[in-house]
mmCIF file of all heavy atoms, coordinates in Angstrom:
data_MODEL
# 
_entry.id   MODEL 
# 
loop_
_atom_site.group_PDB 
_atom_site.id 
_atom_site.type_symbol 
_atom_site.label_atom_id 
_atom_site.label_alt_id 
_atom_site.label_comp_id 
_atom_site.label_asym_id 
_atom_site.label_entity_id 
_atom_site.label_seq_id 
_atom_site.pdbx_PDB_ins_code 
_atom_site.Cartn_x 
_atom_site.Cartn_y 
_atom_site.Cartn_z 
_atom_site.occupancy 
_atom_site.B_iso_or_equiv 
_atom_site.pdbx_formal_charge 
_atom_site.auth_seq_id 
_atom_site.auth_comp_id 
_atom_site.auth_asym_id 
_atom_site.auth_atom_id 
_atom_site.pdbx_PDB_model_num 
ATOM 1   N N   . VAL A 1 1  ? -6.312 -6.268  12.827 1.00 0.00 ? 1  VAL A N   1 
ATOM 2   C CA  . VAL A 1 1  ? -5.305 -5.638  11.976 1.00 0.00 ? 1  VAL A CA  1 
ATOM 3   C C   . VAL A 1 1  ? -3.920 -6.157  12.357 1.00 0.00 ? 1  VAL A C   1 
ATOM 4   O O   . VAL A 1 1  ? -3.098 -6.449  11.480 1.00 0.00 ? 1  VAL A O   1 
ATOM 5   C CB  . VAL A 1 1  ? -5.378 -4.102  12.068 1.00 0.00 ? 1  VAL A CB  1 
ATOM 6   C CG1 . VAL A 1 1  ? -4.251 -3.446  11.282 1.00 0.00 ? 1  VAL A CG1 1 
ATOM 7   C CG2 . VAL A 1 1  ? -6.739 -3.614  11.578 1.00 0.00 ? 1  VAL A CG2 1 
ATOM 8   N N   . ALA A 1 2  ? -3.674 -6.321  13.647 1.00 0.00 ? 2  ALA A N   1 
ATOM 9   C CA  . ALA A 1 2  ? -2.388 -6.865  14.105 1.00 0.00 ? 2  ALA A CA  1 
ATOM 10  C C   . ALA A 1 2  ? -2.160 -8.265  13.536 1.00 0.00 ? 2  ALA A C   1 
ATOM 11  O O   . ALA A 1 2  ? -1.045 -8.589  13.107 1.00 0.00 ? 2  ALA A O   1 
ATOM 12  C CB  . ALA A 1 2  ? -2.331 -6.883  15.630 1.00 0.00 ? 2  ALA A CB  1 
ATOM 13  N N   . ARG A 1 3  ? -3.214 -9.069  13.492 1.00 0.00 ? 3  ARG A N   1 
ATOM 14  C CA  . ARG A 1 3  ? -3.080 -10.407 12.887 1.00 0.00 ? 3  ARG A CA  1 
ATOM 15  C C   . ARG A 1 3  ? -2.747 -10.289 11.404 1.00 0.00 ? 3  ARG A C   1 
ATOM 16  O O   . ARG A 1 3  ? -1.933 -11.039 10.874 1.00 0.00 ? 3  ARG A O   1 
ATOM 17  C CB  . ARG A 1 3  ? -4.349 -11.230 13.098 1.00 0.00 ? 3  ARG A CB  1 
ATOM 18  C CG  . ARG A 1 3  ? -4.526 -11.741 14.521 1.00 0.00 ? 3  ARG A CG  1 
ATOM 19  C CD  . ARG A 1 3  ? -5.649 -12.763 14.647 1.00 0.00 ? 3  ARG A CD  1 
ATOM 20  N NE  . ARG A 1 3  ? -6.948 -12.247 14.231 1.00 0.00 ? 3  ARG A NE  1 
ATOM 21  C CZ  . ARG A 1 3  ? -7.772 -11.517 14.992 1.00 0.00 ? 3  ARG A CZ  1 
ATOM 22  N NH1 . ARG A 1 3  ? -7.412 -11.236 16.236 1.00 0.00 ? 3  ARG A NH1 1 
ATOM 23  N NH2 . ARG A 1 3  ? -8.936 -11.097 14.540 1.00 0.00 ? 3  ARG A NH2 1 
ATOM 24  N N   . GLY A 1 4  ? -3.368 -9.341  10.744 1.00 0.00 ? 4  GLY A N   1 
ATOM 25  C CA  . GLY A 1 4  ? -3.074 -9.108  9.332  1.00 0.00 ? 4  GLY A CA  1 
ATOM 26  C C   . GLY A 1 4  ? -1.638 -8.662  9.112  1.00 0.00 ? 4  GLY A C   1 
ATOM 27  O O   . GLY A 1 4  ? -0.974 -9.125  8.177  1.00 0.00 ? 4  GLY A O   1 
ATOM 28  N N   . LEU A 1 5  ? -1.140 -7.779  9.959  1.00 0.00 ? 5  LEU A N   1 
ATOM 29  C CA  . LEU A 1 5  ? 0.242  -7.315  9.844  1.00 0.00 ? 5  LEU A CA  1 
ATOM 30  C C   . LEU A 1 5  ? 1.219  -8.462  10.077 1.00 0.00 ? 5  LEU A C   1 
ATOM 31  O O   . LEU A 1 5  ? 2.251  -8.557  9.395  1.00 0.00 ? 5  LEU A O   1 
ATOM 32  C CB  . LEU A 1 5  ? 0.503  -6.162  10.816 1.00 0.00 ? 5  LEU A CB  1 
ATOM 33  C CG  . LEU A 1 5  ? -0.265 -4.869  10.527 1.00 0.00 ? 5  LEU A CG  1 
ATOM 34  C CD1 . LEU A 1 5  ? -0.030 -3.841  11.635 1.00 0.00 ? 5  LEU A CD1 1 
ATOM 35  C CD2 . LEU A 1 5  ? 0.095  -4.294  9.160  1.00 0.00 ? 5  LEU A CD2 1 
ATOM 36  N N   . THR A 1 6  ? 0.879  -9.345  11.003 1.00 0.00 ? 6  THR A N   1 
ATOM 37  C CA  . THR A 1 6  ? 1.715  -10.528 11.235 1.00 0.00 ? 6  THR A CA  1 
ATOM 38  C C   . THR A 1 6  ? 1.745  -11.406 9.988  1.00 0.00 ? 6  THR A C   1 
ATOM 39  O O   . THR A 1 6  ? 2.796  -11.929 9.606  1.00 0.00 ? 6  THR A O   1 
ATOM 40  C CB  . THR A 1 6  ? 1.200  -11.323 12.457 1.00 0.00 ? 6  THR A CB  1 
ATOM 41  O OG1 . THR A 1 6  ? 1.292  -10.480 13.616 1.00 0.00 ? 6  THR A OG1 1 
ATOM 42  C CG2 . THR A 1 6  ? 1.993  -12.593 12.684 1.00 0.00 ? 6  THR A CG2 1 
ATOM 43  N N   . ALA A 1 7  ? 0.611  -11.556 9.329  1.00 0.00 ? 7  ALA A N   1 
ATOM 44  C CA  . ALA A 1 7  ? 0.543  -12.349 8.096  1.00 0.00 ? 7  ALA A CA  1 
ATOM 45  C C   . ALA A 1 7  ? 1.344  -11.696 6.970  1.00 0.00 ? 7  ALA A C   1 
ATOM 46  O O   . ALA A 1 7  ? 2.013  -12.391 6.189  1.00 0.00 ? 7  ALA A O   1 
ATOM 47  C CB  . ALA A 1 7  ? -0.909 -12.545 7.665  1.00 0.00 ? 7  ALA A CB  1 
ATOM 48  N N   . VAL A 1 8  ? 1.296  -10.380 6.868  1.00 0.00 ? 8  VAL A N   1 
ATOM 49  C CA  . VAL A 1 8  ? 2.074  -9.658  5.858  1.00 0.00 ? 8  VAL A CA  1 
ATOM 50  C C   . VAL A 1 8  ? 3.569  -9.922  6.083  1.00 0.00 ? 8  VAL A C   1 
ATOM 51  O O   . VAL A 1 8  ? 4.312  -10.208 5.142  1.00 0.00 ? 8  VAL A O   1 
ATOM 52  C CB  . VAL A 1 8  ? 1.754  -8.151  5.881  1.00 0.00 ? 8  VAL A CB  1 
ATOM 53  C CG1 . VAL A 1 8  ? 2.715  -7.362  5.005  1.00 0.00 ? 8  VAL A CG1 1 
ATOM 54  C CG2 . VAL A 1 8  ? 0.314  -7.903  5.433  1.00 0.00 ? 8  VAL A CG2 1 
ATOM 55  N N   . ALA A 1 9  ? 3.998  -9.846  7.339  1.00 0.00 ? 9  ALA A N   1 
ATOM 56  C CA  . ALA A 1 9  ? 5.399  -10.106 7.666  1.00 0.00 ? 9  ALA A CA  1 
ATOM 57  C C   . ALA A 1 9  ? 5.778  -11.547 7.338  1.00 0.00 ? 9  ALA A C   1 
ATOM 58  O O   . ALA A 1 9  ? 6.840  -11.798 6.758  1.00 0.00 ? 9  ALA A O   1 
ATOM 59  C CB  . ALA A 1 9  ? 5.664  -9.804  9.143  1.00 0.00 ? 9  ALA A CB  1 
ATOM 60  N N   . ALA A 1 10 ? 4.913  -12.490 7.686  1.00 0.00 ? 10 ALA A N   1 
ATOM 61  C CA  . ALA A 1 10 ? 5.195  -13.909 7.434  1.00 0.00 ? 10 ALA A CA  1 
ATOM 62  C C   . ALA A 1 10 ? 5.325  -14.197 5.940  1.00 0.00 ? 10 ALA A C   1 
ATOM 63  O O   . ALA A 1 10 ? 6.069  -15.093 5.531  1.00 0.00 ? 10 ALA A O   1 
ATOM 64  C CB  . ALA A 1 10 ? 4.104  -14.783 8.047  1.00 0.00 ? 10 ALA A CB  1 
ATOM 65  N N   . ALA A 1 11 ? 4.622  -13.434 5.131  1.00 0.00 ? 11 ALA A N   1 
ATOM 66  C CA  . ALA A 1 11 ? 4.690  -13.607 3.683  1.00 0.00 ? 11 ALA A CA  1 
ATOM 67  C C   . ALA A 1 11 ? 5.928  -12.914 3.087  1.00 0.00 ? 11 ALA A C   1 
ATOM 68  O O   . ALA A 1 11 ? 6.166  -13.015 1.875  1.00 0.00 ? 11 ALA A O   1 
ATOM 69  C CB  . ALA A 1 11 ? 3.426  -13.063 3.024  1.00 0.00 ? 11 ALA A CB  1 
ATOM 70  N N   . GLY A 1 12 ? 6.684  -12.204 3.916  1.00 0.00 ? 12 GLY A N   1 
ATOM 71  C CA  . GLY A 1 12 ? 7.882  -11.524 3.439  1.00 0.00 ? 12 GLY A CA  1 
ATOM 72  C C   . GLY A 1 12 ? 7.591  -10.256 2.671  1.00 0.00 ? 12 GLY A C   1 
ATOM 73  O O   . GLY A 1 12 ? 8.419  -9.794  1.882  1.00 0.00 ? 12 GLY A O   1 
ATOM 74  N N   . LEU A 1 13 ? 6.422  -9.682  2.921  1.00 0.00 ? 13 LEU A N   1 
ATOM 75  C CA  . LEU A 1 13 ? 6.026  -8.463  2.223  1.00 0.00 ? 13 LEU A CA  1 
ATOM 76  C C   . LEU A 1 13 ? 6.293  -7.225  3.074  1.00 0.00 ? 13 LEU A C   1 
ATOM 77  O O   . LEU A 1 13 ? 6.637  -7.331  4.247  1.00 0.00 ? 13 LEU A O   1 
ATOM 78  C CB  . LEU A 1 13 ? 4.543  -8.544  1.850  1.00 0.00 ? 13 LEU A CB  1 
ATOM 79  C CG  . LEU A 1 13 ? 4.160  -9.705  0.932  1.00 0.00 ? 13 LEU A CG  1 
ATOM 80  C CD1 . LEU A 1 13 ? 2.657  -9.800  0.781  1.00 0.00 ? 13 LEU A CD1 1 
ATOM 81  C CD2 . LEU A 1 13 ? 4.848  -9.562  -0.420 1.00 0.00 ? 13 LEU A CD2 1 
ATOM 82  N N   . VAL A 1 14 ? 6.105  -6.077  2.481  1.00 0.00 ? 14 VAL A N   1 
ATOM 83  C CA  . VAL A 1 14 ? 6.286  -4.780  3.128  1.00 0.00 ? 14 VAL A CA  1 
ATOM 84  C C   . VAL A 1 14 ? 4.908  -4.154  3.273  1.00 0.00 ? 14 VAL A C   1 
ATOM 85  O O   . VAL A 1 14 ? 4.045  -4.342  2.418  1.00 0.00 ? 14 VAL A O   1 
ATOM 86  C CB  . VAL A 1 14 ? 7.201  -3.889  2.248  1.00 0.00 ? 14 VAL A CB  1 
ATOM 87  C CG1 . VAL A 1 14 ? 7.297  -2.481  2.784  1.00 0.00 ? 14 VAL A CG1 1 
ATOM 88  C CG2 . VAL A 1 14 ? 8.579  -4.525  2.129  1.00 0.00 ? 14 VAL A CG2 1 
ATOM 89  N N   . TYR A 1 15 ? 4.701  -3.386  4.347  1.00 0.00 ? 15 TYR A N   1 
ATOM 90  C CA  . TYR A 1 15 ? 3.412  -2.721  4.553  1.00 0.00 ? 15 TYR A CA  1 
ATOM 91  C C   . TYR A 1 15 ? 3.588  -1.221  4.404  1.00 0.00 ? 15 TYR A C   1 
ATOM 92  O O   . TYR A 1 15 ? 4.315  -0.583  5.161  1.00 0.00 ? 15 TYR A O   1 
ATOM 93  C CB  . TYR A 1 15 ? 2.832  -3.051  5.933  1.00 0.00 ? 15 TYR A CB  1 
ATOM 94  C CG  . TYR A 1 15 ? 1.407  -2.582  6.070  1.00 0.00 ? 15 TYR A CG  1 
ATOM 95  C CD1 . TYR A 1 15 ? 0.370  -3.319  5.524  1.00 0.00 ? 15 TYR A CD1 1 
ATOM 96  C CD2 . TYR A 1 15 ? 1.104  -1.391  6.716  1.00 0.00 ? 15 TYR A CD2 1 
ATOM 97  C CE1 . TYR A 1 15 ? -0.945 -2.887  5.630  1.00 0.00 ? 15 TYR A CE1 1 
ATOM 98  C CE2 . TYR A 1 15 ? -0.206 -0.951  6.825  1.00 0.00 ? 15 TYR A CE2 1 
ATOM 99  C CZ  . TYR A 1 15 ? -1.219 -1.705  6.268  1.00 0.00 ? 15 TYR A CZ  1 
ATOM 100 O OH  . TYR A 1 15 ? -2.520 -1.275  6.363  1.00 0.00 ? 15 TYR A OH  1 
ATOM 101 N N   . ASP A 1 16 ? 2.912  -0.653  3.418  1.00 0.00 ? 16 ASP A N   1 
ATOM 102 C CA  . ASP A 1 16 ? 2.935  0.785   3.199  1.00 0.00 ? 16 ASP A CA  1 
ATOM 103 C C   . ASP A 1 16 ? 1.839  1.455   4.028  1.00 0.00 ? 16 ASP A C   1 
ATOM 104 O O   . ASP A 1 16 ? 0.697  1.002   4.026  1.00 0.00 ? 16 ASP A O   1 
ATOM 105 C CB  . ASP A 1 16 ? 2.709  1.107   1.724  1.00 0.00 ? 16 ASP A CB  1 
ATOM 106 C CG  . ASP A 1 16 ? 3.972  1.001   0.894  1.00 0.00 ? 16 ASP A CG  1 
ATOM 107 O OD1 . ASP A 1 16 ? 4.819  0.138   1.197  1.00 0.00 ? 16 ASP A OD1 1 
ATOM 108 O OD2 . ASP A 1 16 ? 4.110  1.777   -0.066 1.00 0.00 ? 16 ASP A OD2 1 
ATOM 109 N N   . LEU A 1 17 ? 2.209  2.526   4.693  1.00 0.00 ? 17 LEU A N   1 
ATOM 110 C CA  . LEU A 1 17 ? 1.301  3.278   5.545  1.00 0.00 ? 17 LEU A CA  1 
ATOM 111 C C   . LEU A 1 17 ? 0.785  4.503   4.804  1.00 0.00 ? 17 LEU A C   1 
ATOM 112 O O   . LEU A 1 17 ? 1.565  5.417   4.504  1.00 0.00 ? 17 LEU A O   1 
ATOM 113 C CB  . LEU A 1 17 ? 2.026  3.729   6.817  1.00 0.00 ? 17 LEU A CB  1 
ATOM 114 C CG  . LEU A 1 17 ? 2.504  2.613   7.746  1.00 0.00 ? 17 LEU A CG  1 
ATOM 115 C CD1 . LEU A 1 17 ? 3.567  3.144   8.699  1.00 0.00 ? 17 LEU A CD1 1 
ATOM 116 C CD2 . LEU A 1 17 ? 1.332  2.022   8.494  1.00 0.00 ? 17 LEU A CD2 1 
ATOM 117 N N   . VAL A 1 18 ? -0.494 4.523   4.486  1.00 0.00 ? 18 VAL A N   1 
ATOM 118 C CA  . VAL A 1 18 ? -1.136 5.690   3.873  1.00 0.00 ? 18 VAL A CA  1 
ATOM 119 C C   . VAL A 1 18 ? -1.981 6.311   4.978  1.00 0.00 ? 18 VAL A C   1 
ATOM 120 O O   . VAL A 1 18 ? -3.109 5.889   5.229  1.00 0.00 ? 18 VAL A O   1 
ATOM 121 C CB  . VAL A 1 18 ? -1.993 5.300   2.658  1.00 0.00 ? 18 VAL A CB  1 
ATOM 122 C CG1 . VAL A 1 18 ? -2.581 6.548   2.004  1.00 0.00 ? 18 VAL A CG1 1 
ATOM 123 C CG2 . VAL A 1 18 ? -1.175 4.505   1.658  1.00 0.00 ? 18 VAL A CG2 1 
ATOM 124 N N   . VAL A 1 19 ? -1.398 7.289   5.655  1.00 0.00 ? 19 VAL A N   1 
ATOM 125 C CA  . VAL A 1 19 ? -1.996 7.833   6.873  1.00 0.00 ? 19 VAL A CA  1 
ATOM 126 C C   . VAL A 1 19 ? -1.937 9.354   6.876  1.00 0.00 ? 19 VAL A C   1 
ATOM 127 O O   . VAL A 1 19 ? -1.248 9.970   6.067  1.00 0.00 ? 19 VAL A O   1 
ATOM 128 C CB  . VAL A 1 19 ? -1.286 7.285   8.130  1.00 0.00 ? 19 VAL A CB  1 
ATOM 129 C CG1 . VAL A 1 19 ? -1.401 5.767   8.213  1.00 0.00 ? 19 VAL A CG1 1 
ATOM 130 C CG2 . VAL A 1 19 ? 0.182  7.704   8.171  1.00 0.00 ? 19 VAL A CG2 1 
ATOM 131 N N   . LEU A 1 20 ? -2.621 9.908   7.848  1.00 0.00 ? 20 LEU A N   1 
ATOM 132 C CA  . LEU A 1 20 ? -2.605 11.345  8.103  1.00 0.00 ? 20 LEU A CA  1 
ATOM 133 C C   . LEU A 1 20 ? -1.785 11.610  9.369  1.00 0.00 ? 20 LEU A C   1 
ATOM 134 O O   . LEU A 1 20 ? -1.563 10.679  10.168 1.00 0.00 ? 20 LEU A O   1 
ATOM 135 C CB  . LEU A 1 20 ? -4.040 11.851  8.269  1.00 0.00 ? 20 LEU A CB  1 
ATOM 136 C CG  . LEU A 1 20 ? -4.928 11.676  7.029  1.00 0.00 ? 20 LEU A CG  1 
ATOM 137 C CD1 . LEU A 1 20 ? -6.381 11.989  7.364  1.00 0.00 ? 20 LEU A CD1 1 
ATOM 138 C CD2 . LEU A 1 20 ? -4.422 12.525  5.885  1.00 0.00 ? 20 LEU A CD2 1 
ATOM 139 N N   . PRO A 1 21 ? -1.336 12.828  9.585  1.00 0.00 ? 21 PRO A N   1 
ATOM 140 C CA  . PRO A 1 21 ? -0.478 13.108  10.743 1.00 0.00 ? 21 PRO A CA  1 
ATOM 141 C C   . PRO A 1 21 ? -1.027 12.633  12.087 1.00 0.00 ? 21 PRO A C   1 
ATOM 142 O O   . PRO A 1 21 ? -0.267 12.133  12.921 1.00 0.00 ? 21 PRO A O   1 
ATOM 143 C CB  . PRO A 1 21 ? -0.329 14.636  10.706 1.00 0.00 ? 21 PRO A CB  1 
ATOM 144 C CG  . PRO A 1 21 ? -0.430 14.973  9.259  1.00 0.00 ? 21 PRO A CG  1 
ATOM 145 C CD  . PRO A 1 21 ? -1.490 14.029  8.730  1.00 0.00 ? 21 PRO A CD  1 
ATOM 146 N N   . HIS A 1 22 ? -2.339 12.754  12.305 1.00 0.00 ? 22 HIS A N   1 
ATOM 147 C CA  . HIS A 1 22 ? -2.883 12.343  13.601 1.00 0.00 ? 22 HIS A CA  1 
ATOM 148 C C   . HIS A 1 22 ? -2.840 10.825  13.797 1.00 0.00 ? 22 HIS A C   1 
ATOM 149 O O   . HIS A 1 22 ? -3.026 10.332  14.909 1.00 0.00 ? 22 HIS A O   1 
ATOM 150 C CB  . HIS A 1 22 ? -4.303 12.879  13.796 1.00 0.00 ? 22 HIS A CB  1 
ATOM 151 C CG  . HIS A 1 22 ? -5.344 12.166  12.990 1.00 0.00 ? 22 HIS A CG  1 
ATOM 152 N ND1 . HIS A 1 22 ? -5.585 12.457  11.663 1.00 0.00 ? 22 HIS A ND1 1 
ATOM 153 C CD2 . HIS A 1 22 ? -6.197 11.159  13.320 1.00 0.00 ? 22 HIS A CD2 1 
ATOM 154 C CE1 . HIS A 1 22 ? -6.547 11.668  11.215 1.00 0.00 ? 22 HIS A CE1 1 
ATOM 155 N NE2 . HIS A 1 22 ? -6.935 10.871  12.194 1.00 0.00 ? 22 HIS A NE2 1 
ATOM 156 N N   . GLN A 1 23 ? -2.550 10.068  12.746 1.00 0.00 ? 23 GLN A N   1 
ATOM 157 C CA  . GLN A 1 23 ? -2.452 8.614   12.842 1.00 0.00 ? 23 GLN A CA  1 
ATOM 158 C C   . GLN A 1 23 ? -1.013 8.131   13.041 1.00 0.00 ? 23 GLN A C   1 
ATOM 159 O O   . GLN A 1 23 ? -0.788 6.943   13.253 1.00 0.00 ? 23 GLN A O   1 
ATOM 160 C CB  . GLN A 1 23 ? -3.047 7.979   11.582 1.00 0.00 ? 23 GLN A CB  1 
ATOM 161 C CG  . GLN A 1 23 ? -4.544 8.254   11.443 1.00 0.00 ? 23 GLN A CG  1 
ATOM 162 C CD  . GLN A 1 23 ? -5.085 7.924   10.064 1.00 0.00 ? 23 GLN A CD  1 
ATOM 163 O OE1 . GLN A 1 23 ? -4.459 8.213   9.050  1.00 0.00 ? 23 GLN A OE1 1 
ATOM 164 N NE2 . GLN A 1 23 ? -6.263 7.310   10.032 1.00 0.00 ? 23 GLN A NE2 1 
ATOM 165 N N   . LEU A 1 24 ? -0.049 9.038   12.989 1.00 0.00 ? 24 LEU A N   1 
ATOM 166 C CA  . LEU A 1 24 ? 1.355  8.644   13.137 1.00 0.00 ? 24 LEU A CA  1 
ATOM 167 C C   . LEU A 1 24 ? 1.670  7.975   14.475 1.00 0.00 ? 24 LEU A C   1 
ATOM 168 O O   . LEU A 1 24 ? 2.451  7.021   14.497 1.00 0.00 ? 24 LEU A O   1 
ATOM 169 C CB  . LEU A 1 24 ? 2.278  9.845   12.889 1.00 0.00 ? 24 LEU A CB  1 
ATOM 170 C CG  . LEU A 1 24 ? 2.386  10.288  11.426 1.00 0.00 ? 24 LEU A CG  1 
ATOM 171 C CD1 . LEU A 1 24 ? 3.150  11.606  11.317 1.00 0.00 ? 24 LEU A CD1 1 
ATOM 172 C CD2 . LEU A 1 24 ? 3.020  9.209   10.567 1.00 0.00 ? 24 LEU A CD2 1 
ATOM 173 N N   . PRO A 1 25 ? 1.107  8.420   15.606 1.00 0.00 ? 25 PRO A N   1 
ATOM 174 C CA  . PRO A 1 25 ? 1.400  7.701   16.851 1.00 0.00 ? 25 PRO A CA  1 
ATOM 175 C C   . PRO A 1 25 ? 1.009  6.221   16.793 1.00 0.00 ? 25 PRO A C   1 
ATOM 176 O O   . PRO A 1 25 ? 1.755  5.352   17.269 1.00 0.00 ? 25 PRO A O   1 
ATOM 177 C CB  . PRO A 1 25 ? 0.595  8.462   17.906 1.00 0.00 ? 25 PRO A CB  1 
ATOM 178 C CG  . PRO A 1 25 ? 0.519  9.857   17.349 1.00 0.00 ? 25 PRO A CG  1 
ATOM 179 C CD  . PRO A 1 25 ? 0.345  9.653   15.863 1.00 0.00 ? 25 PRO A CD  1 
# 
């Protein structure tokens, strides 16, 4: 997932977080 997030950043995109409270940390 970290590699994917790096690729999202390299593409100049934004990552939306669809999470629940226990996933916030």
